Amino acid sequence: MTRVVVHEPDPIESLVPGCGIGLGLDQYHWQNGVLPSSEAAKPGDPSPPIQDAEERARAPQRVLSPGLADGINDAAEFGPDALEITLFDLRGAEVYRARWEGGESLLWRGRDSKRNLVSSGIYAARIKTRKGRKLIQSFTVVK
């Protein structure tokens, strides 16, 4: 398990390719997604327990396959507490941003802001909740 310790106020400036992702909290574990150390799962646990109501902002999907056109795992649907999502690639470049405007949940369909399918790889979502908290979630996209 790789750990990255980050002490920077603004997330995403500290993405470290190949070393996990540091996104504004003290410690992230690269196993089972990107989680602050206080919420880390035990080794081998594929789905960490929900810690509080704000965790309802995360998407249950961790692996997306939007290019297969099979209707399975084509999108990540974020929970009802998600107000804004911003997706980044491992270089830290912003790929996609969306803000809840009422109605349906926020979705990321594995596409960039120009609606092109993203490359296979790992992406980090910064999720802003309705209560102003910032959460991080990782996704693996396969084509």
N, C-alpha and C. Protein backbone atom coordinates (compact mmCIF):
# COMPACT_ATOMS: atom_id res chain seq x y z
N MET A 1 0.85 -1.16 0.00
CA MET A 1 0.00 0.00 0.00
C MET A 1 0.90 1.23 0.00
N THR A 2 0.64 2.19 -0.88
CA THR A 2 1.42 3.40 -0.97
C THR A 2 0.73 4.51 -0.19
N ARG A 3 1.49 5.27 0.56
CA ARG A 3 0.93 6.40 1.30
C ARG A 3 1.62 7.67 0.85
N VAL A 4 0.84 8.73 0.71
CA VAL A 4 1.37 10.03 0.36
C VAL A 4 0.91 11.00 1.43
N VAL A 5 1.84 11.72 2.04
CA VAL A 5 1.48 12.71 3.05
C VAL A 5 1.54 14.08 2.39
N VAL A 6 0.46 14.82 2.53
CA VAL A 6 0.35 16.13 1.89
C VAL A 6 -0.09 17.15 2.92
N HIS A 7 0.55 18.29 2.93
CA HIS A 7 0.16 19.38 3.82
C HIS A 7 0.00 20.65 3.00
N GLU A 8 -0.92 20.62 2.06
CA GLU A 8 -1.16 21.77 1.21
C GLU A 8 -2.63 22.14 1.31
N PRO A 9 -2.93 23.43 1.33
CA PRO A 9 -4.31 23.86 1.50
C PRO A 9 -5.20 23.58 0.30
N ASP A 10 -4.66 23.69 -0.92
CA ASP A 10 -5.50 23.49 -2.09
C ASP A 10 -5.21 22.12 -2.68
N PRO A 11 -6.26 21.31 -2.90
CA PRO A 11 -6.07 19.96 -3.41
C PRO A 11 -5.29 19.91 -4.71
N ILE A 12 -5.45 19.03 -5.50
CA ILE A 12 -5.00 18.75 -6.85
C ILE A 12 -3.61 19.26 -7.22
N GLU A 13 -3.03 20.23 -6.52
CA GLU A 13 -1.68 20.69 -6.85
C GLU A 13 -0.65 19.61 -6.58
N SER A 14 -1.00 18.61 -5.80
CA SER A 14 0.00 17.65 -5.34
C SER A 14 -0.22 16.24 -5.86
N LEU A 15 -0.78 16.11 -7.05
CA LEU A 15 -0.92 14.78 -7.62
C LEU A 15 0.47 14.22 -7.92
N VAL A 16 0.71 13.01 -7.53
CA VAL A 16 2.01 12.40 -7.75
C VAL A 16 1.81 11.13 -8.56
N PRO A 17 2.11 11.15 -9.88
CA PRO A 17 1.89 9.96 -10.69
C PRO A 17 2.66 8.77 -10.13
N GLY A 18 1.98 7.63 -10.07
CA GLY A 18 2.62 6.41 -9.62
C GLY A 18 2.76 6.28 -8.12
N CYS A 19 2.35 7.28 -7.37
CA CYS A 19 2.53 7.24 -5.92
C CYS A 19 1.22 7.44 -5.17
N GLY A 20 0.10 7.26 -5.82
CA GLY A 20 -1.17 7.56 -5.16
C GLY A 20 -1.48 9.01 -5.41
N ILE A 21 -2.44 9.54 -4.73
CA ILE A 21 -2.86 10.91 -4.97
C ILE A 21 -2.97 11.64 -3.66
N GLY A 22 -2.34 12.80 -3.54
CA GLY A 22 -2.52 13.66 -2.38
C GLY A 22 -3.42 14.79 -2.80
N LEU A 23 -4.55 14.93 -2.15
CA LEU A 23 -5.53 15.90 -2.60
C LEU A 23 -6.05 16.77 -1.47
N GLY A 24 -5.19 17.26 -0.60
CA GLY A 24 -5.63 18.23 0.38
C GLY A 24 -5.88 17.72 1.78
N LEU A 25 -5.95 16.43 2.02
CA LEU A 25 -6.05 15.92 3.37
C LEU A 25 -4.69 15.36 3.76
N ASP A 26 -4.55 14.93 5.00
CA ASP A 26 -3.24 14.52 5.46
C ASP A 26 -2.69 13.25 4.81
N GLN A 27 -3.48 12.24 4.67
CA GLN A 27 -2.96 10.98 4.16
C GLN A 27 -3.99 10.29 3.30
N TYR A 28 -3.53 9.70 2.22
CA TYR A 28 -4.42 8.94 1.35
C TYR A 28 -3.85 7.56 1.15
N HIS A 29 -4.72 6.57 1.12
CA HIS A 29 -4.32 5.21 0.85
C HIS A 29 -4.76 4.88 -0.56
N TRP A 30 -3.86 4.35 -1.36
CA TRP A 30 -4.18 4.09 -2.75
C TRP A 30 -4.95 2.79 -2.92
N GLN A 31 -5.03 1.95 -1.92
CA GLN A 31 -5.78 0.71 -2.01
C GLN A 31 -7.26 1.01 -1.78
N ASN A 32 -8.14 0.40 -2.57
CA ASN A 32 -9.59 0.58 -2.44
C ASN A 32 -10.05 2.00 -2.72
N GLY A 33 -9.40 2.70 -3.63
CA GLY A 33 -9.78 4.08 -3.93
C GLY A 33 -8.91 5.04 -3.16
N VAL A 34 -9.25 6.31 -3.23
CA VAL A 34 -8.49 7.35 -2.57
C VAL A 34 -9.27 7.78 -1.34
N LEU A 35 -8.73 7.52 -0.16
CA LEU A 35 -9.44 7.80 1.07
C LEU A 35 -8.54 8.50 2.07
N PRO A 36 -9.06 9.43 2.87
CA PRO A 36 -8.27 9.95 3.97
C PRO A 36 -8.00 8.82 4.96
N SER A 37 -6.90 8.90 5.66
CA SER A 37 -6.50 7.78 6.52
C SER A 37 -7.56 7.43 7.55
N SER A 38 -8.33 8.40 8.01
CA SER A 38 -9.36 8.12 9.01
C SER A 38 -10.49 7.26 8.45
N GLU A 39 -10.62 7.20 7.13
CA GLU A 39 -11.69 6.45 6.50
C GLU A 39 -11.18 5.23 5.74
N ALA A 40 -9.91 4.90 5.89
CA ALA A 40 -9.31 3.83 5.09
C ALA A 40 -9.89 2.47 5.46
N ALA A 41 -10.04 1.68 4.44
CA ALA A 41 -10.53 0.31 4.65
C ALA A 41 -9.40 -0.58 5.11
N LYS A 42 -9.75 -1.68 5.71
CA LYS A 42 -8.75 -2.67 6.07
C LYS A 42 -8.27 -3.34 4.79
N PRO A 43 -7.01 -3.79 4.74
CA PRO A 43 -6.52 -4.46 3.52
C PRO A 43 -7.45 -5.60 3.12
N GLY A 44 -7.78 -5.63 1.83
CA GLY A 44 -8.65 -6.67 1.31
C GLY A 44 -10.12 -6.34 1.36
N ASP A 45 -10.51 -5.25 2.02
CA ASP A 45 -11.92 -4.86 2.10
C ASP A 45 -12.25 -4.03 0.87
N PRO A 46 -13.05 -4.54 -0.07
CA PRO A 46 -13.32 -3.83 -1.32
C PRO A 46 -14.22 -2.62 -1.17
N SER A 47 -14.96 -2.51 -0.10
CA SER A 47 -15.86 -1.37 0.05
C SER A 47 -15.83 -0.87 1.48
N PRO A 48 -15.14 0.26 1.71
CA PRO A 48 -15.05 0.79 3.06
C PRO A 48 -16.41 1.21 3.58
N PRO A 49 -16.63 1.14 4.89
CA PRO A 49 -17.93 1.52 5.45
C PRO A 49 -18.19 3.02 5.33
N ILE A 50 -19.44 3.37 5.26
CA ILE A 50 -19.82 4.78 5.21
C ILE A 50 -19.58 5.38 6.59
N GLN A 51 -18.89 6.52 6.62
CA GLN A 51 -18.51 7.14 7.89
C GLN A 51 -19.58 8.11 8.40
N ASP A 52 -20.23 8.85 7.53
CA ASP A 52 -21.23 9.82 7.96
C ASP A 52 -22.18 10.12 6.80
N ALA A 53 -23.15 10.96 7.06
CA ALA A 53 -24.15 11.27 6.04
C ALA A 53 -23.55 11.91 4.80
N GLU A 54 -22.45 12.67 4.96
CA GLU A 54 -21.86 13.34 3.80
C GLU A 54 -21.20 12.35 2.84
N GLU A 55 -20.92 11.15 3.30
CA GLU A 55 -20.37 10.14 2.40
C GLU A 55 -21.40 9.77 1.33
N ARG A 56 -22.64 10.16 1.53
CA ARG A 56 -23.67 9.89 0.53
C ARG A 56 -23.42 10.67 -0.75
N ALA A 57 -22.41 11.49 -0.80
CA ALA A 57 -22.08 12.22 -2.01
C ALA A 57 -21.28 11.37 -2.99
N ARG A 58 -20.59 10.36 -2.51
CA ARG A 58 -19.75 9.53 -3.37
C ARG A 58 -20.58 8.66 -4.31
N ALA A 59 -19.97 8.28 -5.43
CA ALA A 59 -20.59 7.34 -6.37
C ALA A 59 -20.25 5.92 -5.94
N PRO A 60 -21.19 4.99 -6.06
CA PRO A 60 -20.88 3.61 -5.68
C PRO A 60 -19.96 2.92 -6.69
N GLN A 61 -19.90 3.41 -7.92
CA GLN A 61 -19.06 2.80 -8.94
C GLN A 61 -17.60 3.18 -8.72
N ARG A 62 -16.69 2.26 -8.95
CA ARG A 62 -15.25 2.52 -8.86
C ARG A 62 -14.56 2.26 -10.19
N VAL A 63 -15.15 1.40 -11.00
CA VAL A 63 -14.58 1.06 -12.31
C VAL A 63 -15.63 1.38 -13.37
N LEU A 64 -15.22 2.14 -14.39
CA LEU A 64 -16.13 2.51 -15.48
C LEU A 64 -15.61 1.94 -16.79
N SER A 65 -16.53 1.54 -17.65
CA SER A 65 -16.17 1.05 -18.99
C SER A 65 -17.09 1.68 -20.02
N PRO A 66 -17.01 3.01 -20.19
CA PRO A 66 -17.94 3.70 -21.08
C PRO A 66 -17.76 3.37 -22.55
N GLY A 67 -16.57 2.92 -22.95
CA GLY A 67 -16.31 2.65 -24.35
C GLY A 67 -16.81 1.31 -24.84
N LEU A 68 -17.26 0.44 -23.94
CA LEU A 68 -17.70 -0.90 -24.35
C LEU A 68 -19.11 -0.92 -24.91
N ALA A 69 -19.89 0.11 -24.66
CA ALA A 69 -21.26 0.23 -25.18
C ALA A 69 -22.11 -0.99 -24.84
N ASP A 70 -21.91 -1.52 -23.62
CA ASP A 70 -22.70 -2.67 -23.19
C ASP A 70 -23.75 -2.30 -22.15
N GLY A 71 -23.79 -1.03 -21.79
CA GLY A 71 -24.77 -0.57 -20.82
C GLY A 71 -24.41 -0.89 -19.38
N ILE A 72 -23.22 -1.43 -19.15
CA ILE A 72 -22.78 -1.79 -17.80
C ILE A 72 -21.62 -0.89 -17.40
N ASN A 73 -21.70 -0.28 -16.24
CA ASN A 73 -20.65 0.59 -15.71
C ASN A 73 -20.26 1.70 -16.69
N ASP A 74 -21.25 2.26 -17.37
CA ASP A 74 -20.98 3.33 -18.32
C ASP A 74 -20.83 4.69 -17.66
N ALA A 75 -21.33 4.85 -16.42
CA ALA A 75 -21.29 6.15 -15.76
C ALA A 75 -21.18 5.97 -14.25
N ALA A 76 -20.63 7.00 -13.61
CA ALA A 76 -20.61 7.07 -12.15
C ALA A 76 -21.73 8.03 -11.75
N GLU A 77 -22.63 7.55 -10.92
CA GLU A 77 -23.73 8.39 -10.44
C GLU A 77 -23.44 8.79 -9.00
N PHE A 78 -23.21 10.08 -8.80
CA PHE A 78 -22.87 10.57 -7.47
C PHE A 78 -24.12 10.68 -6.61
N GLY A 79 -23.93 10.58 -5.31
CA GLY A 79 -25.04 10.55 -4.38
C GLY A 79 -25.75 11.88 -4.23
N PRO A 80 -26.84 11.89 -3.47
CA PRO A 80 -27.69 13.06 -3.35
C PRO A 80 -27.04 14.25 -2.65
N ASP A 81 -25.95 14.04 -1.91
CA ASP A 81 -25.29 15.15 -1.23
C ASP A 81 -24.23 15.83 -2.09
N ALA A 82 -23.95 15.32 -3.29
CA ALA A 82 -22.95 15.92 -4.18
C ALA A 82 -23.51 17.18 -4.82
N LEU A 83 -22.80 18.28 -4.65
CA LEU A 83 -23.20 19.56 -5.24
C LEU A 83 -22.39 19.86 -6.50
N GLU A 84 -21.09 19.53 -6.47
CA GLU A 84 -20.22 19.79 -7.62
C GLU A 84 -19.16 18.70 -7.69
N ILE A 85 -18.83 18.28 -8.92
CA ILE A 85 -17.76 17.31 -9.11
C ILE A 85 -16.75 17.87 -10.09
N THR A 86 -15.49 17.60 -9.84
CA THR A 86 -14.42 17.95 -10.76
C THR A 86 -13.54 16.73 -10.89
N LEU A 87 -13.30 16.28 -12.12
CA LEU A 87 -12.49 15.09 -12.38
C LEU A 87 -11.13 15.51 -12.89
N PHE A 88 -10.09 14.81 -12.41
CA PHE A 88 -8.71 15.08 -12.79
C PHE A 88 -8.04 13.80 -13.24
N ASP A 89 -7.11 13.92 -14.19
CA ASP A 89 -6.29 12.76 -14.54
C ASP A 89 -5.10 12.71 -13.57
N LEU A 90 -4.23 11.73 -13.72
CA LEU A 90 -3.12 11.57 -12.77
C LEU A 90 -2.08 12.67 -12.87
N ARG A 91 -2.07 13.43 -13.96
CA ARG A 91 -1.15 14.58 -14.06
C ARG A 91 -1.69 15.79 -13.30
N GLY A 92 -2.96 15.72 -12.90
CA GLY A 92 -3.58 16.83 -12.20
C GLY A 92 -4.36 17.76 -13.12
N ALA A 93 -4.45 17.40 -14.41
CA ALA A 93 -5.20 18.22 -15.36
C ALA A 93 -6.70 17.98 -15.18
N GLU A 94 -7.45 19.09 -15.17
CA GLU A 94 -8.90 18.96 -15.05
C GLU A 94 -9.46 18.35 -16.33
N VAL A 95 -10.30 17.35 -16.17
CA VAL A 95 -10.89 16.63 -17.30
C VAL A 95 -12.35 17.00 -17.47
N TYR A 96 -13.07 17.15 -16.36
CA TYR A 96 -14.52 17.36 -16.43
C TYR A 96 -14.98 18.06 -15.16
N ARG A 97 -16.00 18.91 -15.30
CA ARG A 97 -16.58 19.58 -14.15
C ARG A 97 -18.09 19.69 -14.36
N ALA A 98 -18.84 19.45 -13.30
CA ALA A 98 -20.30 19.59 -13.37
C ALA A 98 -20.81 20.06 -12.01
N ARG A 99 -21.88 20.84 -12.05
CA ARG A 99 -22.51 21.33 -10.82
C ARG A 99 -23.99 20.94 -10.87
N TRP A 100 -24.51 20.50 -9.71
CA TRP A 100 -25.90 20.10 -9.64
C TRP A 100 -26.78 21.32 -9.84
N GLU A 101 -27.72 21.21 -10.77
CA GLU A 101 -28.62 22.32 -11.09
C GLU A 101 -30.07 21.96 -10.77
N GLY A 102 -30.29 20.96 -9.98
CA GLY A 102 -31.64 20.50 -9.67
C GLY A 102 -31.97 19.27 -10.49
N GLY A 103 -32.93 18.54 -10.06
CA GLY A 103 -33.33 17.35 -10.81
C GLY A 103 -32.48 16.14 -10.48
N GLU A 104 -31.99 15.47 -11.52
CA GLU A 104 -31.27 14.21 -11.39
C GLU A 104 -29.93 14.37 -10.67
N SER A 105 -29.35 13.24 -10.28
CA SER A 105 -28.03 13.21 -9.65
C SER A 105 -26.96 13.60 -10.67
N LEU A 106 -25.80 14.01 -10.16
CA LEU A 106 -24.67 14.28 -11.03
C LEU A 106 -24.12 12.97 -11.57
N LEU A 107 -23.79 12.97 -12.86
CA LEU A 107 -23.22 11.80 -13.52
C LEU A 107 -21.90 12.16 -14.16
N TRP A 108 -20.96 11.22 -14.16
CA TRP A 108 -19.77 11.32 -15.00
C TRP A 108 -19.78 10.10 -15.89
N ARG A 109 -19.81 10.32 -17.18
CA ARG A 109 -19.93 9.23 -18.14
C ARG A 109 -18.58 8.83 -18.75
N GLY A 110 -17.49 9.16 -18.07
CA GLY A 110 -16.17 8.81 -18.58
C GLY A 110 -15.77 9.64 -19.78
N ARG A 111 -16.27 10.86 -19.82
CA ARG A 111 -15.98 11.77 -20.93
C ARG A 111 -15.40 13.07 -20.39
N ASP A 112 -14.64 13.75 -21.26
CA ASP A 112 -14.09 15.03 -20.86
C ASP A 112 -15.12 16.13 -21.10
N SER A 113 -14.72 17.37 -20.87
CA SER A 113 -15.65 18.50 -21.02
C SER A 113 -16.11 18.70 -22.46
N LYS A 114 -15.35 18.15 -23.43
CA LYS A 114 -15.72 18.26 -24.84
C LYS A 114 -16.51 17.03 -25.31
N ARG A 115 -16.90 16.18 -24.36
CA ARG A 115 -17.70 14.97 -24.59
C ARG A 115 -16.94 13.84 -25.29
N ASN A 116 -15.61 13.91 -25.30
CA ASN A 116 -14.79 12.83 -25.83
C ASN A 116 -14.56 11.80 -24.73
N LEU A 117 -14.54 10.51 -25.08
CA LEU A 117 -14.20 9.48 -24.09
C LEU A 117 -12.79 9.73 -23.59
N VAL A 118 -12.59 9.61 -22.28
CA VAL A 118 -11.25 9.77 -21.72
C VAL A 118 -10.46 8.49 -21.98
N SER A 119 -9.15 8.59 -21.87
CA SER A 119 -8.28 7.43 -22.03
C SER A 119 -8.44 6.49 -20.85
N SER A 120 -8.09 5.23 -21.06
CA SER A 120 -8.07 4.29 -19.95
C SER A 120 -7.07 4.78 -18.92
N GLY A 121 -7.40 4.63 -17.65
CA GLY A 121 -6.50 5.07 -16.60
C GLY A 121 -7.24 5.36 -15.32
N ILE A 122 -6.53 6.00 -14.41
CA ILE A 122 -7.09 6.33 -13.10
C ILE A 122 -7.40 7.82 -13.05
N TYR A 123 -8.55 8.14 -12.51
CA TYR A 123 -9.01 9.52 -12.41
C TYR A 123 -9.45 9.80 -10.97
N ALA A 124 -9.27 11.03 -10.54
CA ALA A 124 -9.69 11.43 -9.19
C ALA A 124 -10.82 12.44 -9.31
N ALA A 125 -11.86 12.24 -8.52
CA ALA A 125 -12.98 13.18 -8.47
C ALA A 125 -12.92 13.94 -7.16
N ARG A 126 -12.96 15.26 -7.26
CA ARG A 126 -13.12 16.09 -6.07
C ARG A 126 -14.61 16.41 -6.00
N ILE A 127 -15.23 16.03 -4.91
CA ILE A 127 -16.67 16.18 -4.74
C ILE A 127 -16.92 17.23 -3.68
N LYS A 128 -17.64 18.29 -4.03
CA LYS A 128 -18.05 19.29 -3.04
C LYS A 128 -19.46 18.94 -2.61
N THR A 129 -19.67 18.85 -1.31
CA THR A 129 -20.98 18.47 -0.79
C THR A 129 -21.83 19.70 -0.52
N ARG A 130 -23.08 19.47 -0.25
CA ARG A 130 -24.02 20.56 0.06
C ARG A 130 -23.63 21.28 1.35
N LYS A 131 -22.90 20.61 2.23
CA LYS A 131 -22.46 21.23 3.48
C LYS A 131 -21.08 21.86 3.37
N GLY A 132 -20.53 21.91 2.16
CA GLY A 132 -19.25 22.57 1.94
C GLY A 132 -18.02 21.69 2.14
N ARG A 133 -18.21 20.44 2.42
CA ARG A 133 -17.07 19.53 2.61
C ARG A 133 -16.55 19.07 1.26
N LYS A 134 -15.23 18.83 1.17
CA LYS A 134 -14.62 18.30 -0.04
C LYS A 134 -14.24 16.85 0.19
N LEU A 135 -14.71 15.98 -0.68
CA LEU A 135 -14.39 14.56 -0.63
C LEU A 135 -13.63 14.19 -1.88
N ILE A 136 -12.89 13.11 -1.81
CA ILE A 136 -12.13 12.62 -2.95
C ILE A 136 -12.52 11.17 -3.21
N GLN A 137 -12.65 10.83 -4.49
CA GLN A 137 -12.93 9.46 -4.88
C GLN A 137 -12.16 9.16 -6.15
N SER A 138 -11.63 7.96 -6.26
CA SER A 138 -10.91 7.57 -7.47
C SER A 138 -11.75 6.64 -8.32
N PHE A 139 -11.47 6.67 -9.62
CA PHE A 139 -12.14 5.81 -10.58
C PHE A 139 -11.09 5.22 -11.52
N THR A 140 -11.32 4.01 -11.94
CA THR A 140 -10.51 3.40 -12.99
C THR A 140 -11.39 3.31 -14.22
N VAL A 141 -10.90 3.85 -15.33
CA VAL A 141 -11.64 3.79 -16.59
C VAL A 141 -10.92 2.79 -17.50
N VAL A 142 -11.67 1.83 -18.01
CA VAL A 142 -11.14 0.84 -18.95
C VAL A 142 -11.96 0.89 -20.23
N LYS A 143 -11.28 0.71 -21.34
CA LYS A 143 -11.99 0.71 -22.63
C LYS A 143 -12.00 -0.68 -23.20
